[in-house]
Protein backbone atom coordinates (compact mmCIF):
# COMPACT_ATOMS: atom_id res chain seq x y z
CA MET A 1 57.23 88.49 -20.62
CA ASP A 2 55.47 86.29 -18.06
CA PRO A 3 51.99 87.25 -16.84
CA ASP A 4 51.23 88.26 -13.29
CA CYS A 5 49.55 85.78 -10.95
CA ALA A 6 45.97 85.25 -12.08
CA ILE A 7 44.80 85.09 -8.48
CA CYS A 8 46.71 87.62 -6.40
CA SER A 9 48.18 89.69 -9.28
CA ALA A 10 51.70 89.37 -7.88
CA PRO A 11 54.46 89.71 -10.50
CA ALA A 12 55.73 86.47 -12.00
CA ILE A 13 59.15 87.00 -10.44
CA ALA A 14 57.57 86.59 -6.99
CA GLN A 15 56.77 82.94 -7.85
CA CYS A 16 53.80 82.82 -5.49
CA GLU A 17 51.94 79.54 -4.95
CA CYS A 18 48.43 80.88 -5.50
CA GLU A 19 47.92 79.33 -8.93
CA ALA A 20 49.38 75.94 -7.90
CA LYS A 21 47.17 75.80 -4.82
CA GLY A 22 44.18 76.92 -6.85
CA LEU A 23 44.86 74.15 -9.37
CA ASP A 24 45.03 71.57 -6.57
CA ILE A 25 41.64 72.73 -5.32
CA ALA A 26 40.18 72.66 -8.85
CA VAL A 27 41.51 69.11 -9.39
CA ARG A 28 39.91 67.90 -6.17
CA GLN A 29 36.62 69.54 -7.11
CA ALA A 30 36.73 67.98 -10.58
CA GLU A 31 37.47 64.58 -9.08
CA GLN A 32 34.46 64.93 -6.82
CA ARG A 33 32.21 65.93 -9.73
CA MET A 34 33.43 63.35 -12.21
CA MET A 35 34.71 60.41 -10.16
CA THR A 36 32.42 60.06 -7.16
CA SER A 37 29.75 58.09 -9.01
CA VAL A 38 32.40 55.92 -10.69
CA LEU A 39 34.04 55.09 -7.37
CA ASP A 40 30.63 54.31 -5.90
CA ASP A 41 29.93 51.93 -8.81
CA ILE A 42 33.31 50.25 -8.38
CA ARG A 43 32.81 49.88 -4.64
CA SER A 44 29.35 48.37 -5.12
CA TRP A 45 30.60 45.98 -7.83
CA VAL A 46 33.58 44.82 -5.78
CA ARG A 47 31.54 44.45 -2.60
CA GLY A 48 28.85 42.41 -4.32
CA HIS A 49 31.25 40.01 -6.01
CA ALA A 50 33.34 39.63 -2.86
CA GLN A 51 30.25 38.82 -0.81
CA ASP A 52 29.09 36.33 -3.44
CA TYR A 53 32.45 34.59 -3.28
CA ILE A 54 32.58 34.46 0.51
CA LEU A 55 29.04 33.09 0.79
CA SER A 56 29.77 30.43 -1.83
CA TYR A 57 33.05 29.53 -0.13
CA PHE A 58 31.26 29.22 3.21
CA SER A 59 28.52 27.10 1.63
CA MET A 60 31.17 24.72 0.33
CA LEU A 61 32.80 24.41 3.76
CA LYS A 62 29.44 23.99 5.48
CA ALA A 63 28.37 21.27 3.05
CA ARG A 64 31.56 19.33 3.74
CA ARG A 65 31.10 19.81 7.47
CA LYS A 66 27.52 18.48 7.34
CA GLU A 67 28.63 15.47 5.30
CA MET A 68 31.23 14.66 7.95
CA HIS A 69 28.59 15.09 10.65
CA ALA A 70 26.18 12.76 8.89
CA ALA A 71 28.92 10.14 8.51
CA HIS A 72 29.77 10.46 12.21
CA ILE A 73 26.12 10.07 13.26
CA GLN A 74 25.87 6.99 11.07
CA HIS A 75 29.03 5.58 12.64
CA ILE A 76 27.89 6.00 16.25
CA THR A 77 24.43 4.66 15.34
CA ASP A 78 25.90 1.55 13.71
CA ARG A 79 28.22 1.04 16.67
CA ALA A 80 25.40 1.37 19.19
CA TYR A 81 23.24 -1.18 17.41
CA HIS A 82 26.20 -3.51 16.97
CA TYR A 83 27.17 -3.54 20.64
CA TYR A 84 23.95 -2.67 22.47
CA ARG A 85 21.13 -3.39 20.04
CA ALA A 86 19.85 0.12 20.74
CA PRO A 87 20.11 3.62 19.32
CA PRO A 88 23.03 5.77 20.49
CA HIS A 89 22.72 7.60 23.78
CA PRO A 90 21.18 11.09 23.38
CA SER A 91 24.31 12.62 24.90
CA GLU A 92 26.36 11.27 21.98
CA ILE A 93 23.98 12.85 19.47
CA LEU A 94 24.03 16.11 21.42
CA ALA A 95 27.84 16.12 21.49
CA ALA A 96 27.98 15.47 17.75
CA ASP A 97 25.50 18.28 17.07
CA SER A 98 27.55 20.63 19.27
CA ASP A 99 30.67 19.73 17.31
CA LEU A 100 28.80 20.49 14.10
CA LYS A 101 27.73 23.92 15.38
CA ARG A 102 31.27 24.78 16.49
CA GLY A 103 32.64 23.59 13.18
CA ILE A 104 30.19 25.70 11.18
CA ASP A 105 31.05 28.72 13.32
CA ASP A 106 34.74 28.13 12.63
CA ASP A 107 34.03 27.77 8.90
CA TRP A 108 32.12 31.06 8.86
CA LYS A 109 34.90 32.83 10.74
CA ALA A 110 37.51 31.45 8.35
CA SER A 111 35.39 32.56 5.38
CA VAL A 112 34.87 36.10 6.67
CA GLN A 113 38.56 36.51 7.43
CA ARG A 114 39.26 36.04 3.71
CA TYR A 115 37.51 39.31 2.83
CA PRO A 116 40.70 41.42 2.57
CA GLU A 117 42.35 39.16 -0.02
CA VAL A 118 39.07 38.67 -1.91
CA LEU A 119 38.42 42.42 -2.01
CA ASP A 120 41.96 43.02 -3.26
CA TYR A 121 41.40 40.43 -5.97
CA PHE A 122 38.20 41.98 -7.30
CA TYR A 123 39.55 45.53 -7.05
CA GLY A 124 42.46 44.25 -9.15
CA LEU A 125 40.00 43.25 -11.88
CA VAL A 126 38.62 46.78 -12.27
CA ASP A 127 39.87 48.36 -15.49
CA LEU A 128 39.93 52.14 -15.98
CA SER A 129 41.67 53.17 -19.18
CA LEU A 130 43.33 56.47 -20.12
CA PRO A 131 43.38 57.64 -23.75
CA ALA A 132 46.73 58.03 -25.47
CA ASP A 133 48.29 61.50 -25.37
CA ASP A 134 48.31 61.70 -29.16
CA GLU A 135 44.59 61.02 -29.64
CA PRO A 136 42.80 63.96 -31.31
CA HIS A 137 40.34 64.63 -28.48
CA VAL A 138 43.30 64.80 -26.05
CA ARG A 139 45.55 67.01 -28.19
CA ASP A 140 42.75 69.29 -29.36
CA PRO A 141 39.70 69.07 -27.08
CA PRO A 142 36.58 70.65 -28.61
CA MET A 143 35.52 73.77 -26.80
CA SER A 144 31.96 72.46 -26.52
CA ALA A 145 33.29 69.66 -24.34
CA LEU A 146 34.79 72.23 -21.98
CA GLY A 147 31.46 73.93 -21.45
CA GLY A 148 31.08 71.79 -18.36
CA GLY A 149 28.77 69.23 -16.89
CA LYS A 150 28.08 66.85 -19.77
CA GLN A 151 31.19 64.70 -19.79
CA ARG A 152 31.16 61.51 -17.76
CA VAL A 153 33.97 59.17 -16.84
CA ARG A 154 33.25 55.75 -18.33
CA LEU A 155 33.75 52.62 -16.26
CA ARG A 156 34.42 49.47 -18.22
CA GLU A 157 33.87 46.40 -16.09
CA PRO A 158 36.35 43.61 -16.80
CA SER A 159 35.36 40.51 -18.70
CA LEU A 160 36.53 37.38 -16.91
CA GLY A 161 36.64 35.67 -20.26
CA ARG A 162 39.53 37.80 -21.46
CA GLU A 163 42.97 36.27 -21.45
CA GLY A 164 44.66 36.70 -18.12
CA ARG A 165 41.46 37.47 -16.21
CA GLY A 166 40.33 35.41 -13.26
CA ARG A 167 43.83 34.31 -12.29
CA ARG A 168 45.10 37.24 -10.26
CA GLY A 169 45.73 36.72 -6.60
CA GLY A 170 45.48 32.93 -6.73
CA ILE A 171 41.87 32.82 -5.53
CA GLU A 172 40.09 29.79 -6.95
CA PRO A 173 36.35 29.97 -7.63
CA PRO A 174 34.49 28.11 -4.87
CA VAL A 175 32.08 25.26 -5.38
CA GLY A 176 28.92 26.23 -3.50
CA GLU A 177 25.72 24.38 -2.80
CA GLY A 178 23.17 25.90 -5.14
CA PRO A 179 23.07 29.43 -6.56
CA ARG A 180 24.93 32.16 -4.79
CA ARG A 181 22.88 34.76 -2.94
CA ARG A 182 23.28 37.97 -1.00
CA ASP A 183 20.17 38.24 1.17
CA GLY A 184 21.59 40.74 3.63
CA ARG A 185 20.05 38.83 6.57
CA GLY A 186 21.74 37.84 9.78
CA VAL A 187 24.06 39.38 12.33
CA ALA A 188 26.94 41.63 11.38
CA PHE A 189 30.25 39.92 12.15
CA ALA A 190 33.54 41.75 11.74
CA PRO A 191 36.66 40.07 13.18
CA MET A 192 38.87 42.57 11.39
CA PRO A 193 38.52 46.35 11.92
CA GLY A 194 37.39 48.47 9.03
CA TYR A 195 35.08 45.94 7.39
CA SER A 196 31.37 45.23 7.71
CA TYR A 197 30.15 41.78 6.78
CA VAL A 198 26.73 40.16 6.68
CA GLN A 199 26.29 36.68 8.07
CA PRO A 200 23.85 34.46 6.16
CA GLY A 201 20.80 33.47 8.15
CA GLY A 202 20.61 30.12 9.86
CA TYR A 203 22.48 26.90 9.55
C-alpha cells in the first residue's frame, strides 16, 4: 500500500507532482546553503590564477617589444652618426616611441583576449570528488549528521605537481619579467562581453 502525497495528501494513484517539485526546491535550497561558499572560493581561485597568467604573459610580450624598440633606436642612432655625424632627428625618435606604444597596446589586447581559454584551463584544474556509493557514511549516514547545519562541502585544490596536471588545454606557463602581481590598478578593459579585466598601471 503506497502512502498518500506528503504535501497535498492526494492518493498515490493520482501521481501528483507535489513531492517531486518539493524535492527540486529542497535540492536548490541545499545547494545554496552548502555550495555557495565553495563556488565563491573556486571563482576567486580561478580568477586570481588566470589574472596572474595574463599579467605574466603580457609582461613577457612587453619585454620583447621593448627590446625590439631599444634595438631599433640603436640602429637609427648608429645610422644617423654614420651618415650625418649627428643624433637622429627627433621625429624619428617620436615615430619609434609611437610604434612602441601601439605595439604595447596590441600586446595587452592580445593578452586580455586570451582570458576565456585561460579561465577554462584553470576551471579544468578544479577537483571536486564524490565518495563511492558503498562507503559507510554514504550507505548509512549517522543521524547526527542529518541534524543540519554542521556539514560543509570540502574543496580540494589541485596540485600541479600531480601527474597529468598543468598540461590541460595546451597553455604553456609564461616567462614574465619579475614576480607576478595583481595590483588591481588601471583602467578596466573588456573586448569580450561578459568579462571584467584589470589593466596593469603604466608602461
